[in-house]
Amino acid sequence: MVMNLYQGLAQVVLFAHLVWIAWVISGCLLTRHSAFLRWFHILSLLYGIVIEAGPWYCPLTLLEQALMNRAGLTPYHEGFLIHYLQAVIYPDVSPQLLMWVGTAICIVNLGVYAWRFRPRAGTRV
């Protein structure tokens, strides 16, 4: 029973992780009319760049691995993107290239915000 609880919690964390990735990739489409969401998404993008480029694992990855371990399952030891997405989407791509692609997606999103925030002709700064 407890094993199933931890396995279920690991699946909830997996789902939350997928939602987070979707937010980072496409959040700029949802933030046009909300300053709070816009700034939350910009911070999410910066966080994504730091996690992708740095030597750290995302806390959701660590939580999922810990829950899998508690459930008696063998947790994966690489990062979330490499474990779940590389085998499906990028079967022969290096982890380094995957990191650069993830970072590039975040930078493109930041470019969308820079374009939205640019001064327009006839407006005062």
PDB file of N, CA and C in Angstrom:
ATOM      1  N   MET A   1       0.824  -1.201   0.000  1.00  0.00           N
ATOM      2  CA  MET A   1       0.000   0.000   0.000  1.00  0.00           C
ATOM      3  C   MET A   1       0.867   1.264   0.000  1.00  0.00           C
ATOM      4  N   VAL A   2       1.858   1.303   0.913  1.00  0.00           N
ATOM      5  CA  VAL A   2       2.739   2.477   0.988  1.00  0.00           C
ATOM      6  C   VAL A   2       3.552   2.599  -0.293  1.00  0.00           C
ATOM      7  N   MET A   3       3.982   1.443  -0.824  1.00  0.00           N
ATOM      8  CA  MET A   3       4.755   1.470  -2.056  1.00  0.00           C
ATOM      9  C   MET A   3       3.930   2.107  -3.175  1.00  0.00           C
ATOM     10  N   ASN A   4       2.657   1.754  -3.278  1.00  0.00           N
ATOM     11  CA  ASN A   4       1.798   2.334  -4.297  1.00  0.00           C
ATOM     12  C   ASN A   4       1.593   3.828  -4.075  1.00  0.00           C
ATOM     13  N   LEU A   5       1.535   4.251  -2.811  1.00  0.00           N
ATOM     14  CA  LEU A   5       1.394   5.673  -2.507  1.00  0.00           C
ATOM     15  C   LEU A   5       2.588   6.449  -3.043  1.00  0.00           C
ATOM     16  N   TYR A   6       3.799   5.964  -2.774  1.00  0.00           N
ATOM     17  CA  TYR A   6       4.994   6.660  -3.248  1.00  0.00           C
ATOM     18  C   TYR A   6       5.097   6.620  -4.767  1.00  0.00           C
ATOM     19  N   GLN A   7       4.700   5.514  -5.371  1.00  0.00           N
ATOM     20  CA  GLN A   7       4.715   5.417  -6.817  1.00  0.00           C
ATOM     21  C   GLN A   7       3.710   6.404  -7.415  1.00  0.00           C
ATOM     22  N   GLY A   8       2.541   6.519  -6.817  1.00  0.00           N
ATOM     23  CA  GLY A   8       1.541   7.485  -7.272  1.00  0.00           C
ATOM     24  C   GLY A   8       2.023   8.910  -7.114  1.00  0.00           C
ATOM     25  N   LEU A   9       2.673   9.191  -5.987  1.00  0.00           N
ATOM     26  CA  LEU A   9       3.216  10.533  -5.782  1.00  0.00           C
ATOM     27  C   LEU A   9       4.313  10.849  -6.798  1.00  0.00           C
ATOM     28  N   ALA A  10       5.127   9.848  -7.140  1.00  0.00           N
ATOM     29  CA  ALA A  10       6.162  10.050  -8.159  1.00  0.00           C
ATOM     30  C   ALA A  10       5.518  10.382  -9.500  1.00  0.00           C
ATOM     31  N   GLN A  11       4.389   9.760  -9.806  1.00  0.00           N
ATOM     32  CA  GLN A  11       3.696  10.055 -11.064  1.00  0.00           C
ATOM     33  C   GLN A  11       3.079  11.450 -11.038  1.00  0.00           C
ATOM     34  N   VAL A  12       2.609  11.887  -9.883  1.00  0.00           N
ATOM     35  CA  VAL A  12       2.087  13.257  -9.760  1.00  0.00           C
ATOM     36  C   VAL A  12       3.208  14.264 -10.002  1.00  0.00           C
ATOM     37  N   VAL A  13       4.381  13.992  -9.452  1.00  0.00           N
ATOM     38  CA  VAL A  13       5.533  14.880  -9.657  1.00  0.00           C
ATOM     39  C   VAL A  13       5.942  14.863 -11.128  1.00  0.00           C
ATOM     40  N   LEU A  14       5.905  13.704 -11.762  1.00  0.00           N
ATOM     41  CA  LEU A  14       6.204  13.616 -13.194  1.00  0.00           C
ATOM     42  C   LEU A  14       5.244  14.495 -13.986  1.00  0.00           C
ATOM     43  N   PHE A  15       3.954  14.426 -13.682  1.00  0.00           N
ATOM     44  CA  PHE A  15       2.968  15.257 -14.366  1.00  0.00           C
ATOM     45  C   PHE A  15       3.241  16.743 -14.118  1.00  0.00           C
ATOM     46  N   ALA A  16       3.550  17.097 -12.864  1.00  0.00           N
ATOM     47  CA  ALA A  16       3.861  18.497 -12.541  1.00  0.00           C
ATOM     48  C   ALA A  16       5.082  18.967 -13.325  1.00  0.00           C
ATOM     49  N   HIS A  17       6.049  18.094 -13.482  1.00  0.00           N
ATOM     50  CA  HIS A  17       7.250  18.432 -14.226  1.00  0.00           C
ATOM     51  C   HIS A  17       6.909  18.702 -15.699  1.00  0.00           C
ATOM     52  N   LEU A  18       6.052  17.867 -16.267  1.00  0.00           N
ATOM     53  CA  LEU A  18       5.646  18.066 -17.659  1.00  0.00           C
ATOM     54  C   LEU A  18       4.875  19.369 -17.830  1.00  0.00           C
ATOM     55  N   VAL A  19       4.024  19.693 -16.872  1.00  0.00           N
ATOM     56  CA  VAL A  19       3.283  20.961 -16.916  1.00  0.00           C
ATOM     57  C   VAL A  19       4.264  22.129 -16.820  1.00  0.00           C
ATOM     58  N   TRP A  20       5.251  22.018 -15.939  1.00  0.00           N
ATOM     59  CA  TRP A  20       6.259  23.071 -15.793  1.00  0.00           C
ATOM     60  C   TRP A  20       7.006  23.297 -17.105  1.00  0.00           C
ATOM     61  N   ILE A  21       7.408  22.214 -17.769  1.00  0.00           N
ATOM     62  CA  ILE A  21       8.126  22.331 -19.042  1.00  0.00           C
ATOM     63  C   ILE A  21       7.243  22.984 -20.096  1.00  0.00           C
ATOM     64  N   ALA A  22       5.978  22.595 -20.143  1.00  0.00           N
ATOM     65  CA  ALA A  22       5.041  23.222 -21.088  1.00  0.00           C
ATOM     66  C   ALA A  22       4.905  24.712 -20.791  1.00  0.00           C
ATOM     67  N   TRP A  23       4.864  25.078 -19.506  1.00  0.00           N
ATOM     68  CA  TRP A  23       4.785  26.488 -19.106  1.00  0.00           C
ATOM     69  C   TRP A  23       6.016  27.252 -19.579  1.00  0.00           C
ATOM     70  N   VAL A  24       7.197  26.674 -19.379  1.00  0.00           N
ATOM     71  CA  VAL A  24       8.427  27.353 -19.775  1.00  0.00           C
ATOM     72  C   VAL A  24       8.478  27.524 -21.292  1.00  0.00           C
ATOM     73  N   ILE A  25       8.066  26.495 -22.027  1.00  0.00           N
ATOM     74  CA  ILE A  25       8.143  26.560 -23.487  1.00  0.00           C
ATOM     75  C   ILE A  25       7.114  27.524 -24.069  1.00  0.00           C
ATOM     76  N   SER A  26       5.889  27.495 -23.571  1.00  0.00           N
ATOM     77  CA  SER A  26       4.827  28.239 -24.242  1.00  0.00           C
ATOM     78  C   SER A  26       4.123  29.273 -23.368  1.00  0.00           C
ATOM     79  N   GLY A  27       4.659  29.548 -22.201  1.00  0.00           N
ATOM     80  CA  GLY A  27       4.009  30.494 -21.297  1.00  0.00           C
ATOM     81  C   GLY A  27       3.846  31.888 -21.854  1.00  0.00           C
ATOM     82  N   CYS A  28       4.730  32.297 -22.763  1.00  0.00           N
ATOM     83  CA  CYS A  28       4.606  33.657 -23.316  1.00  0.00           C
ATOM     84  C   CYS A  28       3.304  33.828 -24.097  1.00  0.00           C
ATOM     85  N   LEU A  29       2.703  32.729 -24.522  1.00  0.00           N
ATOM     86  CA  LEU A  29       1.416  32.816 -25.216  1.00  0.00           C
ATOM     87  C   LEU A  29       0.265  33.100 -24.256  1.00  0.00           C
ATOM     88  N   LEU A  30       0.473  32.814 -22.970  1.00  0.00           N
ATOM     89  CA  LEU A  30      -0.591  32.959 -21.978  1.00  0.00           C
ATOM     90  C   LEU A  30      -0.459  34.201 -21.116  1.00  0.00           C
ATOM     91  N   THR A  31       0.592  34.966 -21.301  1.00  0.00           N
ATOM     92  CA  THR A  31       0.904  36.054 -20.368  1.00  0.00           C
ATOM     93  C   THR A  31       0.632  37.446 -20.916  1.00  0.00           C
ATOM     94  N   ARG A  32       0.078  37.547 -22.055  1.00  0.00           N
ATOM     95  CA  ARG A  32      -0.070  38.848 -22.711  1.00  0.00           C
ATOM     96  C   ARG A  32      -0.858  39.860 -21.882  1.00  0.00           C
ATOM     97  N   HIS A  33      -1.885  39.428 -21.165  1.00  0.00           N
ATOM     98  CA  HIS A  33      -2.764  40.358 -20.460  1.00  0.00           C
ATOM     99  C   HIS A  33      -2.606  40.325 -18.940  1.00  0.00           C
ATOM    100  N   SER A  34      -1.555  39.691 -18.463  1.00  0.00           N
ATOM    101  CA  SER A  34      -1.361  39.615 -17.018  1.00  0.00           C
ATOM    102  C   SER A  34       0.095  39.916 -16.675  1.00  0.00           C
ATOM    103  N   ALA A  35       0.304  41.046 -16.010  1.00  0.00           N
ATOM    104  CA  ALA A  35       1.672  41.420 -15.627  1.00  0.00           C
ATOM    105  C   ALA A  35       2.270  40.399 -14.664  1.00  0.00           C
ATOM    106  N   PHE A  36       1.462  39.894 -13.737  1.00  0.00           N
ATOM    107  CA  PHE A  36       1.966  38.906 -12.781  1.00  0.00           C
ATOM    108  C   PHE A  36       2.450  37.650 -13.502  1.00  0.00           C
ATOM    109  N   LEU A  37       1.616  37.107 -14.404  1.00  0.00           N
ATOM    110  CA  LEU A  37       2.015  35.903 -15.146  1.00  0.00           C
ATOM    111  C   LEU A  37       3.221  36.170 -16.036  1.00  0.00           C
ATOM    112  N   ARG A  38       3.264  37.351 -16.633  1.00  0.00           N
ATOM    113  CA  ARG A  38       4.394  37.708 -17.498  1.00  0.00           C
ATOM    114  C   ARG A  38       5.703  37.666 -16.706  1.00  0.00           C
ATOM    115  N   TRP A  39       5.725  38.305 -15.542  1.00  0.00           N
ATOM    116  CA  TRP A  39       6.956  38.320 -14.747  1.00  0.00           C
ATOM    117  C   TRP A  39       7.268  36.947 -14.156  1.00  0.00           C
ATOM    118  N   PHE A  40       6.231  36.195 -13.796  1.00  0.00           N
ATOM    119  CA  PHE A  40       6.455  34.834 -13.316  1.00  0.00           C
ATOM    120  C   PHE A  40       7.064  33.980 -14.426  1.00  0.00           C
ATOM    121  N   HIS A  41       6.592  34.172 -15.662  1.00  0.00           N
ATOM    122  CA  HIS A  41       7.146  33.400 -16.769  1.00  0.00           C
ATOM    123  C   HIS A  41       8.585  33.813 -17.072  1.00  0.00           C
ATOM    124  N   ILE A  42       8.871  35.093 -17.018  1.00  0.00           N
ATOM    125  CA  ILE A  42      10.253  35.545 -17.242  1.00  0.00           C
ATOM    126  C   ILE A  42      11.177  34.934 -16.195  1.00  0.00           C
ATOM    127  N   LEU A  43      10.755  34.946 -14.938  1.00  0.00           N
ATOM    128  CA  LEU A  43      11.565  34.305 -13.884  1.00  0.00           C
ATOM    129  C   LEU A  43      11.687  32.805 -14.119  1.00  0.00           C
ATOM    130  N   SER A  44      10.624  32.183 -14.602  1.00  0.00           N
ATOM    131  CA  SER A  44      10.659  30.747 -14.925  1.00  0.00           C
ATOM    132  C   SER A  44      11.679  30.464 -16.023  1.00  0.00           C
ATOM    133  N   LEU A  45      11.721  31.346 -17.028  1.00  0.00           N
ATOM    134  CA  LEU A  45      12.689  31.181 -18.115  1.00  0.00           C
ATOM    135  C   LEU A  45      14.120  31.312 -17.608  1.00  0.00           C
ATOM    136  N   LEU A  46      14.360  32.317 -16.784  1.00  0.00           N
ATOM    137  CA  LEU A  46      15.711  32.499 -16.234  1.00  0.00           C
ATOM    138  C   LEU A  46      16.103  31.297 -15.374  1.00  0.00           C
ATOM    139  N   TYR A  47      15.159  30.812 -14.569  1.00  0.00           N
ATOM    140  CA  TYR A  47      15.409  29.616 -13.757  1.00  0.00           C
ATOM    141  C   TYR A  47      15.728  28.425 -14.664  1.00  0.00           C
ATOM    142  N   GLY A  48      14.964  28.269 -15.765  1.00  0.00           N
ATOM    143  CA  GLY A  48      15.204  27.171 -16.695  1.00  0.00           C
ATOM    144  C   GLY A  48      16.596  27.228 -17.304  1.00  0.00           C
ATOM    145  N   ILE A  49      17.035  28.424 -17.652  1.00  0.00           N
ATOM    146  CA  ILE A  49      18.381  28.577 -18.210  1.00  0.00           C
ATOM    147  C   ILE A  49      19.434  28.181 -17.181  1.00  0.00           C
ATOM    148  N   VAL A  50      19.271  28.651 -15.946  1.00  0.00           N
ATOM    149  CA  VAL A  50      20.242  28.337 -14.893  1.00  0.00           C
ATOM    150  C   VAL A  50      20.304  26.834 -14.640  1.00  0.00           C
ATOM    151  N   ILE A  51      19.136  26.191 -14.549  1.00  0.00           N
ATOM    152  CA  ILE A  51      19.109  24.748 -14.287  1.00  0.00           C
ATOM    153  C   ILE A  51      19.692  23.972 -15.460  1.00  0.00           C
ATOM    154  N   GLU A  52      19.361  24.373 -16.691  1.00  0.00           N
ATOM    155  CA  GLU A  52      19.876  23.674 -17.870  1.00  0.00           C
ATOM    156  C   GLU A  52      21.384  23.856 -18.019  1.00  0.00           C
ATOM    157  N   ALA A  53      21.865  25.071 -17.803  1.00  0.00           N
ATOM    158  CA  ALA A  53      23.273  25.366 -18.044  1.00  0.00           C
ATOM    159  C   ALA A  53      24.162  25.021 -16.844  1.00  0.00           C
ATOM    160  N   GLY A  54      23.574  24.962 -15.670  1.00  0.00           N
ATOM    161  CA  GLY A  54      24.364  24.719 -14.468  1.00  0.00           C
ATOM    162  C   GLY A  54      24.512  23.245 -14.151  1.00  0.00           C
ATOM    163  N   PRO A  55      25.231  22.961 -13.100  1.00  0.00           N
ATOM    164  CA  PRO A  55      25.465  21.562 -12.718  1.00  0.00           C
ATOM    165  C   PRO A  55      24.380  20.986 -11.802  1.00  0.00           C
ATOM    166  N   TRP A  56      23.241  21.676 -11.684  1.00  0.00           N
ATOM    167  CA  TRP A  56      22.222  21.265 -10.724  1.00  0.00           C
ATOM    168  C   TRP A  56      21.109  20.487 -11.396  1.00  0.00           C
ATOM    169  N   TYR A  57      20.432  19.700 -10.580  1.00  0.00           N
ATOM    170  CA  TYR A  57      19.197  19.050 -11.027  1.00  0.00           C
ATOM    171  C   TYR A  57      18.020  19.885 -10.553  1.00  0.00           C
ATOM    172  N   CYS A  58      16.950  19.836 -11.307  1.00  0.00           N
ATOM    173  CA  CYS A  58      15.714  20.494 -10.905  1.00  0.00           C
ATOM    174  C   CYS A  58      15.195  19.812  -9.633  1.00  0.00           C
ATOM    175  N   PRO A  59      14.667  20.578  -8.686  1.00  0.00           N
ATOM    176  CA  PRO A  59      14.119  19.965  -7.467  1.00  0.00           C
ATOM    177  C   PRO A  59      13.005  18.958  -7.748  1.00  0.00           C
ATOM    178  N   LEU A  60      12.245  19.157  -8.816  1.00  0.00           N
ATOM    179  CA  LEU A  60      11.211  18.179  -9.159  1.00  0.00           C
ATOM    180  C   LEU A  60      11.830  16.839  -9.562  1.00  0.00           C
ATOM    181  N   THR A  61      12.962  16.879 -10.249  1.00  0.00           N
ATOM    182  CA  THR A  61      13.669  15.650 -10.612  1.00  0.00           C
ATOM    183  C   THR A  61      14.124  14.923  -9.351  1.00  0.00           C
ATOM    184  N   LEU A  62      14.713  15.655  -8.433  1.00  0.00           N
ATOM    185  CA  LEU A  62      15.192  15.041  -7.191  1.00  0.00           C
ATOM    186  C   LEU A  62      14.038  14.455  -6.381  1.00  0.00           C
ATOM    187  N   LEU A  63      12.907  15.168  -6.343  1.00  0.00           N
ATOM    188  CA  LEU A  63      11.739  14.671  -5.620  1.00  0.00           C
ATOM    189  C   LEU A  63      11.196  13.409  -6.272  1.00  0.00           C
ATOM    190  N   GLU A  64      11.088  13.408  -7.579  1.00  0.00           N
ATOM    191  CA  GLU A  64      10.594  12.215  -8.279  1.00  0.00           C
ATOM    192  C   GLU A  64      11.512  11.021  -8.030  1.00  0.00           C
ATOM    193  N   GLN A  65      12.811  11.235  -8.097  1.00  0.00           N
ATOM    194  CA  GLN A  65      13.761  10.149  -7.853  1.00  0.00           C
ATOM    195  C   GLN A  65      13.644   9.615  -6.429  1.00  0.00           C
ATOM    196  N   ALA A  66      13.495  10.509  -5.459  1.00  0.00           N
ATOM    197  CA  ALA A  66      13.361  10.085  -4.059  1.00  0.00           C
ATOM    198  C   ALA A  66      12.076   9.275  -3.863  1.00  0.00           C
ATOM    199  N   LEU A  67      10.981   9.720  -4.473  1.00  0.00           N
ATOM    200  CA  LEU A  67       9.717   8.993  -4.354  1.00  0.00           C
ATOM    201  C   LEU A  67       9.793   7.635  -5.039  1.00  0.00           C
ATOM    202  N   MET A  68      10.455   7.563  -6.175  1.00  0.00           N
ATOM    203  CA  MET A  68      10.637   6.275  -6.847  1.00  0.00           C
ATOM    204  C   MET A  68      11.446   5.331  -5.967  1.00  0.00           C
ATOM    205  N   ASN A  69      12.468   5.855  -5.340  1.00  0.00           N
ATOM    206  CA  ASN A  69      13.292   5.054  -4.438  1.00  0.00           C
ATOM    207  C   ASN A  69      12.467   4.532  -3.267  1.00  0.00           C
ATOM    208  N   ARG A  70      11.639   5.403  -2.678  1.00  0.00           N
ATOM    209  CA  ARG A  70      10.772   5.003  -1.563  1.00  0.00           C
ATOM    210  C   ARG A  70       9.744   3.958  -1.982  1.00  0.00           C
ATOM    211  N   ALA A  71       9.346   4.001  -3.265  1.00  0.00           N
ATOM    212  CA  ALA A  71       8.371   3.042  -3.793  1.00  0.00           C
ATOM    213  C   ALA A  71       9.022   1.700  -4.130  1.00  0.00           C
ATOM    214  N   GLY A  72      10.339   1.615  -3.972  1.00  0.00           N
ATOM    215  CA  GLY A  72      11.034   0.377  -4.290  1.00  0.00           C
ATOM    216  C   GLY A  72      11.411   0.252  -5.756  1.00  0.00           C
ATOM    217  N   LEU A  73      11.276   1.334  -6.507  1.00  0.00           N
ATOM    218  CA  LEU A  73      11.647   1.344  -7.918  1.00  0.00           C
ATOM    219  C   LEU A  73      13.071   1.857  -8.064  1.00  0.00           C
ATOM    220  N   THR A  74      13.698   1.518  -9.148  1.00  0.00           N
ATOM    221  CA  THR A  74      15.041   2.017  -9.401  1.00  0.00           C
ATOM    222  C   THR A  74      14.931   3.394 -10.044  1.00  0.00           C
ATOM    223  N   PRO A  75      15.346   4.446  -9.347  1.00  0.00           N
ATOM    224  CA  PRO A  75      15.235   5.788  -9.926  1.00  0.00           C
ATOM    225  C   PRO A  75      16.295   5.997 -11.009  1.00  0.00           C
ATOM    226  N   TYR A  76      15.976   6.850 -11.950  1.00  0.00           N
ATOM    227  CA  TYR A  76      16.954   7.218 -12.967  1.00  0.00           C
ATOM    228  C   TYR A  76      17.961   8.172 -12.330  1.00  0.00           C
ATOM    229  N   HIS A  77      19.139   8.270 -12.930  1.00  0.00           N
ATOM    230  CA  HIS A  77      20.192   9.091 -12.325  1.00  0.00           C
ATOM    231  C   HIS A  77      20.597  10.277 -13.181  1.00  0.00           C
ATOM    232  N   GLU A  78      20.091  10.348 -14.393  1.00  0.00           N
ATOM    233  CA  GLU A  78      20.372  11.506 -15.240  1.00  0.00           C
ATOM    234  C   GLU A  78      19.268  12.532 -15.044  1.00  0.00           C
ATOM    235  N   GLY A  79      19.374  13.656 -15.725  1.00  0.00           N
ATOM    236  CA  GLY A  79      18.352  14.685 -15.619  1.00  0.00           C
ATOM    237  C   GLY A  79      17.030  14.251 -16.233  1.00  0.00           C
ATOM    238  N   PHE A  80      15.979  14.956 -15.871  1.00  0.00           N
ATOM    239  CA  PHE A  80      14.620  14.644 -16.322  1.00  0.00           C
ATOM    240  C   PHE A  80      14.518  14.613 -17.835  1.00  0.00           C
ATOM    241  N   LEU A  81      14.989  15.676 -18.513  1.00  0.00           N
ATOM    242  CA  LEU A  81      14.874  15.759 -19.965  1.00  0.00           C
ATOM    243  C   LEU A  81      15.597  14.607 -20.652  1.00  0.00           C
ATOM    244  N   ILE A  82      16.766  14.298 -20.175  1.00  0.00           N
ATOM    245  CA  ILE A  82      17.533  13.218 -20.786  1.00  0.00           C
ATOM    246  C   ILE A  82      16.812  11.887 -20.577  1.00  0.00           C
ATOM    247  N   HIS A  83      16.330  11.658 -19.379  1.00  0.00           N
ATOM    248  CA  HIS A  83      15.685  10.373 -19.077  1.00  0.00           C
ATOM    249  C   HIS A  83      14.401  10.170 -19.867  1.00  0.00           C
ATOM    250  N   TYR A  84      13.506  11.140 -19.847  1.00  0.00           N
ATOM    251  CA  TYR A  84      12.191  10.948 -20.451  1.00  0.00           C
ATOM    252  C   TYR A  84      12.095  11.370 -21.904  1.00  0.00           C
ATOM    253  N   LEU A  85      12.720  12.453 -22.268  1.00  0.00           N
ATOM    254  CA  LEU A  85      12.511  12.995 -23.603  1.00  0.00           C
ATOM    255  C   LEU A  85      13.550  12.558 -24.625  1.00  0.00           C
ATOM    256  N   GLN A  86      14.763  12.372 -24.203  1.00  0.00           N
ATOM    257  CA  GLN A  86      15.805  12.062 -25.175  1.00  0.00           C
ATOM    258  C   GLN A  86      15.516  10.750 -25.892  1.00  0.00           C
ATOM    259  N   ALA A  87      15.117   9.727 -25.174  1.00  0.00           N
ATOM    260  CA  ALA A  87      14.879   8.435 -25.804  1.00  0.00           C
ATOM    261  C   ALA A  87      13.704   8.480 -26.774  1.00  0.00           C
ATOM    262  N   VAL A  88      12.736   9.337 -26.499  1.00  0.00           N
ATOM    263  CA  VAL A  88      11.543   9.408 -27.344  1.00  0.00           C
ATOM    264  C   VAL A  88      11.735  10.369 -28.510  1.00  0.00           C
ATOM    265  N   ILE A  89      12.204  11.566 -28.211  1.00  0.00           N
ATOM    266  CA  ILE A  89      12.258  12.616 -29.227  1.00  0.00           C
ATOM    267  C   ILE A  89      13.626  12.705 -29.901  1.00  0.00           C
ATOM    268  N   TYR A  90      14.671  12.574 -29.121  1.00  0.00           N
ATOM    269  CA  TYR A  90      16.032  12.740 -29.631  1.00  0.00           C
ATOM    270  C   TYR A  90      16.860  11.490 -29.327  1.00  0.00           C
ATOM    271  N   PRO A  91      16.621  10.380 -29.997  1.00  0.00           N
ATOM    272  CA  PRO A  91      17.270   9.141 -29.596  1.00  0.00           C
ATOM    273  C   PRO A  91      18.794   9.144 -29.704  1.00  0.00           C
ATOM    274  N   ASP A  92      19.376   9.908 -30.608  1.00  0.00           N
ATOM    275  CA  ASP A  92      20.831   9.885 -30.767  1.00  0.00           C
ATOM    276  C   ASP A  92      21.456  11.258 -30.584  1.00  0.00           C
ATOM    277  N   VAL A  93      20.884  12.071 -29.708  1.00  0.00           N
ATOM    278  CA  VAL A  93      21.394  13.414 -29.474  1.00  0.00           C
ATOM    279  C   VAL A  93      22.133  13.430 -28.138  1.00  0.00           C
ATOM    280  N   SER A  94      23.248  14.132 -28.110  1.00  0.00           N
ATOM    281  CA  SER A  94      24.037  14.190 -26.880  1.00  0.00           C
ATOM    282  C   SER A  94      23.320  15.023 -25.817  1.00  0.00           C
ATOM    283  N   PRO A  95      23.569  14.733 -24.538  1.00  0.00           N
ATOM    284  CA  PRO A  95      22.986  15.544 -23.471  1.00  0.00           C
ATOM    285  C   PRO A  95      23.393  17.018 -23.584  1.00  0.00           C
ATOM    286  N   GLN A  96      24.593  17.294 -24.066  1.00  0.00           N
ATOM    287  CA  GLN A  96      25.065  18.672 -24.228  1.00  0.00           C
ATOM    288  C   GLN A  96      24.200  19.420 -25.240  1.00  0.00           C
ATOM    289  N   LEU A  97      23.892  18.783 -26.362  1.00  0.00           N
ATOM    290  CA  LEU A  97      23.045  19.422 -27.374  1.00  0.00           C
ATOM    291  C   LEU A  97      21.637  19.634 -26.828  1.00  0.00           C
ATOM    292  N   LEU A  98      21.138  18.678 -26.090  1.00  0.00           N
ATOM    293  CA  LEU A  98      19.815  18.813 -25.482  1.00  0.00           C
ATOM    294  C   LEU A  98      19.778  19.998 -24.526  1.00  0.00           C
ATOM    295  N   MET A  99      20.851  20.192 -23.761  1.00  0.00           N
ATOM    296  CA  MET A  99      20.948  21.341 -22.854  1.00  0.00           C
ATOM    297  C   MET A  99      20.933  22.645 -23.646  1.00  0.00           C
ATOM    298  N   TRP A 100      21.659  22.700 -24.758  1.00  0.00           N
ATOM    299  CA  TRP A 100      21.691  23.919 -25.578  1.00  0.00           C
ATOM    300  C   TRP A 100      20.335  24.211 -26.204  1.00  0.00           C
ATOM    301  N   VAL A 101      19.628  23.173 -26.632  1.00  0.00           N
ATOM    302  CA  VAL A 101      18.296  23.372 -27.216  1.00  0.00           C
ATOM    303  C   VAL A 101      17.334  23.913 -26.161  1.00  0.00           C
ATOM    304  N   GLY A 102      17.368  23.338 -24.952  1.00  0.00           N
ATOM    305  CA  GLY A 102      16.512  23.824 -23.871  1.00  0.00           C
ATOM    306  C   GLY A 102      16.808  25.276 -23.528  1.00  0.00           C
ATOM    307  N   THR A 103      18.076  25.617 -23.477  1.00  0.00           N
ATOM    308  CA  THR A 103      18.475  27.000 -23.194  1.00  0.00           C
ATOM    309  C   THR A 103      18.032  27.925 -24.324  1.00  0.00           C
ATOM    310  N   ALA A 104      18.176  27.476 -25.559  1.00  0.00           N
ATOM    311  CA  ALA A 104      17.762  28.290 -26.705  1.00  0.00           C
ATOM    312  C   ALA A 104      16.260  28.571 -26.675  1.00  0.00           C
ATOM    313  N   ILE A 105      15.463  27.588 -26.293  1.00  0.00           N
ATOM    314  CA  ILE A 105      14.011  27.799 -26.185  1.00  0.00           C
ATOM    315  C   ILE A 105      13.719  28.898 -25.172  1.00  0.00           C
ATOM    316  N   CYS A 106      14.411  28.870 -24.047  1.00  0.00           N
ATOM    317  CA  CYS A 106      14.213  29.912 -23.027  1.00  0.00           C
ATOM    318  C   CYS A 106      14.632  31.278 -23.558  1.00  0.00           C
ATOM    319  N   ILE A 107      15.745  31.336 -24.276  1.00  0.00           N
ATOM    320  CA  ILE A 107      16.225  32.615 -24.808  1.00  0.00           C
ATOM    321  C   ILE A 107      15.269  33.160 -25.867  1.00  0.00           C
ATOM    322  N   VAL A 108      14.718  32.305 -26.706  1.00  0.00           N
ATOM    323  CA  VAL A 108      13.736  32.757 -27.700  1.00  0.00           C
ATOM    324  C   VAL A 108      12.524  33.356 -26.996  1.00  0.00           C
ATOM    325  N   ASN A 109      12.051  32.706 -25.926  1.00  0.00           N
ATOM    326  CA  ASN A 109      10.928  33.251 -25.157  1.00  0.00           C
ATOM    327  C   ASN A 109      11.277  34.612 -24.571  1.00  0.00           C
ATOM    328  N   LEU A 110      12.483  34.758 -24.044  1.00  0.00           N
ATOM    329  CA  LEU A 110      12.901  36.055 -23.516  1.00  0.00           C
ATOM    330  C   LEU A 110      12.944  37.101 -24.633  1.00  0.00           C
ATOM    331  N   GLY A 111      13.327  36.685 -25.845  1.00  0.00           N
ATOM    332  CA  GLY A 111      13.308  37.590 -26.993  1.00  0.00           C
ATOM    333  C   GLY A 111      11.901  38.065 -27.321  1.00  0.00           C
ATOM    334  N   VAL A 112      10.912  37.194 -27.153  1.00  0.00           N
ATOM    335  CA  VAL A 112       9.515  37.598 -27.361  1.00  0.00           C
ATOM    336  C   VAL A 112       9.155  38.710 -26.380  1.00  0.00           C
ATOM    337  N   TYR A 113       9.572  38.564 -25.125  1.00  0.00           N
ATOM    338  CA  TYR A 113       9.290  39.611 -24.137  1.00  0.00           C
ATOM    339  C   TYR A 113      10.032  40.895 -24.468  1.00  0.00           C
ATOM    340  N   ALA A 114      11.269  40.791 -24.911  1.00  0.00           N
ATOM    341  CA  ALA A 114      12.020  41.996 -25.288  1.00  0.00           C
ATOM    342  C   ALA A 114      11.301  42.711 -26.420  1.00  0.00           C
ATOM    343  N   TRP A 115      10.766  41.966 -27.371  1.00  0.00           N
ATOM    344  CA  TRP A 115      10.024  42.572 -28.478  1.00  0.00           C
ATOM    345  C   TRP A 115       8.738  43.223 -27.974  1.00  0.00           C
ATOM    346  N   ARG A 116       8.048  42.571 -27.052  1.00  0.00           N
ATOM    347  CA  ARG A 116       6.818  43.143 -26.502  1.00  0.00           C
ATOM    348  C   ARG A 116       7.087  44.421 -25.711  1.00  0.00           C
ATOM    349  N   PHE A 117       8.215  44.475 -25.023  1.00  0.00           N
ATOM    350  CA  PHE A 117       8.526  45.616 -24.155  1.00  0.00           C
ATOM    351  C   PHE A 117       9.260  46.738 -24.878  1.00  0.00           C
ATOM    352  N   ARG A 118       9.567  46.573 -26.158  1.00  0.00           N
ATOM    353  CA  ARG A 118      10.344  47.592 -26.865  1.00  0.00           C
ATOM    354  C   ARG A 118       9.555  48.892 -26.933  1.00  0.00           C
ATOM    355  N   PRO A 119      10.259  50.015 -26.898  1.00  0.00           N
ATOM    356  CA  PRO A 119       9.560  51.306 -27.034  1.00  0.00           C
ATOM    357  C   PRO A 119       8.944  51.418 -28.431  1.00  0.00           C
ATOM    358  N   ARG A 120       7.786  51.939 -28.487  1.00  0.00           N
ATOM    359  CA  ARG A 120       7.088  52.096 -29.762  1.00  0.00           C
ATOM    360  C   ARG A 120       7.167  53.570 -30.180  1.00  0.00           C
ATOM    361  N   ALA A 121       7.119  53.799 -31.477  1.00  0.00           N
ATOM    362  CA  ALA A 121       7.167  55.165 -32.006  1.00  0.00           C
ATOM    363  C   ALA A 121       5.977  55.960 -31.459  1.00  0.00           C
ATOM    364  N   GLY A 122       6.240  57.169 -31.009  1.00  0.00           N
ATOM    365  CA  GLY A 122       5.176  58.026 -30.515  1.00  0.00           C
ATOM    366  C   GLY A 122       4.869  57.828 -29.029  1.00  0.00           C
ATOM    367  N   THR A 123       5.580  56.919 -28.375  1.00  0.00           N
ATOM    368  CA  THR A 123       5.358  56.737 -26.937  1.00  0.00           C
ATOM    369  C   THR A 123       6.557  57.301 -26.194  1.00  0.00           C
ATOM    370  N   ARG A 124       6.285  57.805 -25.026  1.00  0.00           N
ATOM    371  CA  ARG A 124       7.363  58.359 -24.202  1.00  0.00           C
ATOM    372  C   ARG A 124       7.895  57.279 -23.292  1.00  0.00           C
ATOM    373  N   VAL A 125       9.190  57.331 -23.090  1.00  0.00           N
ATOM    374  CA  VAL A 125       9.837  56.364 -22.210  1.00  0.00           C
ATOM    375  C   VAL A 125      10.016  56.917 -20.841  1.00  0.00           C
TER     376      VAL A 125
END
